[in-house]
Amino acid sequence: MSTQQTKPGCVFCNASAARGFNIVWEDDEFIAFSDRSPAAQHHVLLIPKRHIDSIKSLHQADVALVERMNEIGHSILDQLNVAKDLRRMGYVIPPFNSIYHLHLHVQGLPYTSALKSLMYQVSTGTGNNDKGFGWFVDIDQAIAILNKGHTVGVFAC
């Protein structure tokens, strides 16, 4: 995992209201802001303030970070009164992501269009795999994969 605090040229490093981000939640380690191009009725991006390239950069030692992001994401959706069955949280997997700074998509459905929903399709795993082929990993899948000592990728894992 990349452990540098910020990365030169990273759009999400040093995200702040002064830089045009609509901040919805923040603490010392994480910050959440409205997605500029929302795919769902509620669409927030939650990032660690410390630069981490992507979900592919994480390992078993990072499970606590992902679990904390899960807790924060649910807290944000609770504040927005999003029903449990209308929640989707996960990560787009490189090379299909648009920004190389770990960001959790925290969404309250419905999606704004069928086309936008395609980006966030969850591919269930079979056999020993928690996830099938796909460019989006649900946060619970990511936690299960990392807990097994594996890394998250586009292919089944």
Protein backbone atom coordinates (compact mmCIF):
# COMPACT_ATOMS: atom_id res chain seq x y z
CA MET A 1 0.00 0.00 0.00
CA SER A 2 1.22 3.49 -0.78
CA THR A 3 1.74 5.25 2.55
CA GLN A 4 2.61 8.79 1.46
CA GLN A 5 0.39 11.50 2.87
CA THR A 6 -0.31 13.19 -0.48
CA LYS A 7 0.72 12.55 -4.05
CA PRO A 8 1.57 15.45 -6.38
CA GLY A 9 -1.06 15.81 -9.09
CA CYS A 10 -3.67 13.68 -7.30
CA VAL A 11 -7.07 15.40 -7.57
CA PHE A 12 -8.34 13.90 -4.31
CA CYS A 13 -5.29 14.65 -2.14
CA ASN A 14 -6.08 17.71 -0.04
CA ALA A 15 -9.78 17.65 -1.00
CA SER A 16 -11.54 20.54 0.71
CA ALA A 17 -14.48 22.91 0.39
CA ALA A 18 -12.00 25.63 -0.59
CA ARG A 19 -11.01 23.47 -3.57
CA GLY A 20 -14.61 23.09 -4.72
CA PHE A 21 -15.54 19.81 -3.02
CA ASN A 22 -19.00 19.54 -1.43
CA ILE A 23 -17.88 18.01 1.88
CA VAL A 24 -20.57 15.93 3.62
CA TRP A 25 -18.48 14.26 6.34
CA GLU A 26 -14.94 14.55 7.70
CA ASP A 27 -12.65 13.44 10.51
CA ASP A 28 -8.84 13.32 10.95
CA GLU A 29 -8.39 10.29 8.67
CA PHE A 30 -11.23 10.38 6.11
CA ILE A 31 -13.26 12.85 4.11
CA ALA A 32 -16.49 12.34 2.14
CA PHE A 33 -17.88 14.56 -0.57
CA SER A 34 -20.66 14.55 -3.15
CA ASP A 35 -19.78 12.93 -6.47
CA ARG A 36 -19.63 15.60 -9.17
CA SER A 37 -21.33 13.27 -11.64
CA PRO A 38 -23.74 11.25 -9.47
CA ALA A 39 -24.89 7.90 -10.76
CA ALA A 40 -27.48 7.45 -8.01
CA GLN A 41 -30.01 9.49 -6.11
CA HIS A 42 -27.36 9.84 -3.36
CA HIS A 43 -23.75 9.42 -4.46
CA VAL A 44 -20.89 10.25 -2.10
CA LEU A 45 -17.19 9.44 -2.43
CA LEU A 46 -15.36 8.54 0.78
CA ILE A 47 -11.58 8.72 0.74
CA PRO A 48 -8.72 8.33 3.20
CA LYS A 49 -6.83 11.61 3.57
CA ARG A 50 -3.60 9.64 3.25
CA HIS A 51 -2.90 8.80 -0.40
CA ILE A 52 -3.56 5.17 -1.33
CA ASP A 53 -3.59 4.44 -5.07
CA SER A 54 -6.55 2.04 -5.30
CA ILE A 55 -8.32 -1.02 -3.94
CA LYS A 56 -5.68 -3.11 -5.73
CA SER A 57 -3.04 -1.58 -3.41
CA LEU A 58 -4.62 -3.04 -0.28
CA HIS A 59 -3.67 -6.21 1.59
CA GLN A 60 -4.84 -8.19 4.60
CA ALA A 61 -3.23 -5.65 6.96
CA ASP A 62 -5.59 -3.01 5.54
CA VAL A 63 -8.86 -4.76 6.48
CA ALA A 64 -9.43 -2.38 9.42
CA LEU A 65 -9.22 0.62 7.06
CA VAL A 66 -11.84 -0.88 4.72
CA GLU A 67 -14.05 -1.85 7.67
CA ARG A 68 -13.85 1.72 8.96
CA MET A 69 -14.83 3.02 5.51
CA ASN A 70 -17.79 0.62 5.61
CA GLU A 71 -18.90 2.02 8.99
CA ILE A 72 -18.57 5.62 7.81
CA GLY A 73 -20.42 4.86 4.56
CA HIS A 74 -23.36 3.35 6.43
CA SER A 75 -23.38 6.30 8.83
CA ILE A 76 -23.61 8.71 5.88
CA LEU A 77 -26.45 6.69 4.33
CA ASP A 78 -28.19 6.58 7.73
CA GLN A 79 -28.06 10.39 7.85
CA LEU A 80 -29.60 10.48 4.36
CA ASN A 81 -32.36 8.06 5.50
CA VAL A 82 -31.47 5.52 2.80
CA ALA A 83 -33.12 2.15 3.42
CA LYS A 84 -30.74 -0.80 3.88
CA ASP A 85 -31.99 -2.51 0.69
CA LEU A 86 -31.27 0.64 -1.38
CA ARG A 87 -27.58 0.89 -0.46
CA ARG A 88 -24.59 0.08 -2.62
CA MET A 89 -21.02 0.62 -1.53
CA GLY A 90 -17.90 -0.46 -3.30
CA TYR A 91 -14.82 0.33 -5.32
CA VAL A 92 -14.19 0.53 -9.04
CA ILE A 93 -11.13 -1.59 -9.84
CA PRO A 94 -8.22 -0.25 -11.95
CA PRO A 95 -7.84 0.23 -14.81
CA PHE A 96 -11.56 1.10 -14.89
CA ASN A 97 -11.41 3.77 -12.18
CA SER A 98 -11.14 7.45 -13.11
CA ILE A 99 -8.99 8.66 -10.18
CA TYR A 100 -5.99 6.88 -8.68
CA HIS A 101 -6.79 7.63 -5.04
CA LEU A 102 -8.73 5.00 -3.11
CA HIS A 103 -12.38 6.05 -3.03
CA LEU A 104 -15.45 4.23 -1.84
CA HIS A 105 -18.63 4.87 -3.79
CA VAL A 106 -21.37 5.32 -1.18
CA GLN A 107 -24.69 5.19 -3.01
CA GLY A 108 -28.34 5.45 -2.15
CA LEU A 109 -30.32 3.96 -5.02
CA PRO A 110 -32.06 4.22 -7.42
CA TYR A 111 -29.52 4.90 -10.13
CA THR A 112 -30.12 7.96 -12.25
CA SER A 113 -30.04 5.85 -15.44
CA ALA A 114 -29.73 2.23 -16.50
CA LEU A 115 -26.49 3.11 -18.32
CA LYS A 116 -24.89 4.54 -15.18
CA SER A 117 -25.92 1.50 -13.16
CA LEU A 118 -23.76 -0.72 -15.40
CA MET A 119 -20.57 0.70 -13.88
CA TYR A 120 -21.57 -0.55 -10.43
CA GLN A 121 -22.72 -4.11 -11.15
CA VAL A 122 -21.68 -6.58 -8.48
CA SER A 123 -20.34 -9.88 -9.80
CA THR A 124 -20.89 -12.67 -7.30
CA GLY A 125 -18.23 -15.28 -6.87
CA THR A 126 -18.46 -19.02 -7.24
CA GLY A 127 -16.56 -21.79 -5.54
CA ASN A 128 -13.72 -20.34 -3.46
CA ASN A 129 -14.07 -16.89 -5.05
CA ASP A 130 -15.89 -14.07 -3.27
CA LYS A 131 -16.13 -12.06 -6.50
CA GLY A 132 -16.48 -12.99 -10.14
CA PHE A 133 -15.12 -11.14 -13.19
CA GLY A 134 -16.04 -7.45 -12.97
CA TRP A 135 -14.70 -3.94 -12.54
CA PHE A 136 -16.65 -3.16 -9.35
CA VAL A 137 -16.22 -4.83 -5.98
CA ASP A 138 -18.82 -4.51 -3.24
CA ILE A 139 -17.27 -3.46 0.07
CA ASP A 140 -18.28 -6.73 1.79
CA GLN A 141 -16.62 -8.68 -1.03
CA ALA A 142 -13.47 -6.56 -0.67
CA ILE A 143 -13.31 -7.23 3.08
CA ALA A 144 -13.77 -11.00 2.53
CA ILE A 145 -11.07 -11.10 -0.17
CA LEU A 146 -8.57 -9.10 1.90
CA ASN A 147 -9.32 -11.20 5.02
CA LYS A 148 -8.26 -14.29 3.05
CA GLY A 149 -4.90 -12.66 2.30
CA HIS A 150 -5.73 -12.07 -1.35
CA THR A 151 -5.78 -8.85 -3.35
CA VAL A 152 -8.77 -7.42 -5.21
CA GLY A 153 -8.66 -7.51 -8.99
CA VAL A 154 -10.89 -7.49 -12.05
CA PHE A 155 -10.75 -11.26 -12.42
CA ALA A 156 -12.42 -13.68 -10.03
CA CYS A 157 -10.89 -13.54 -6.58
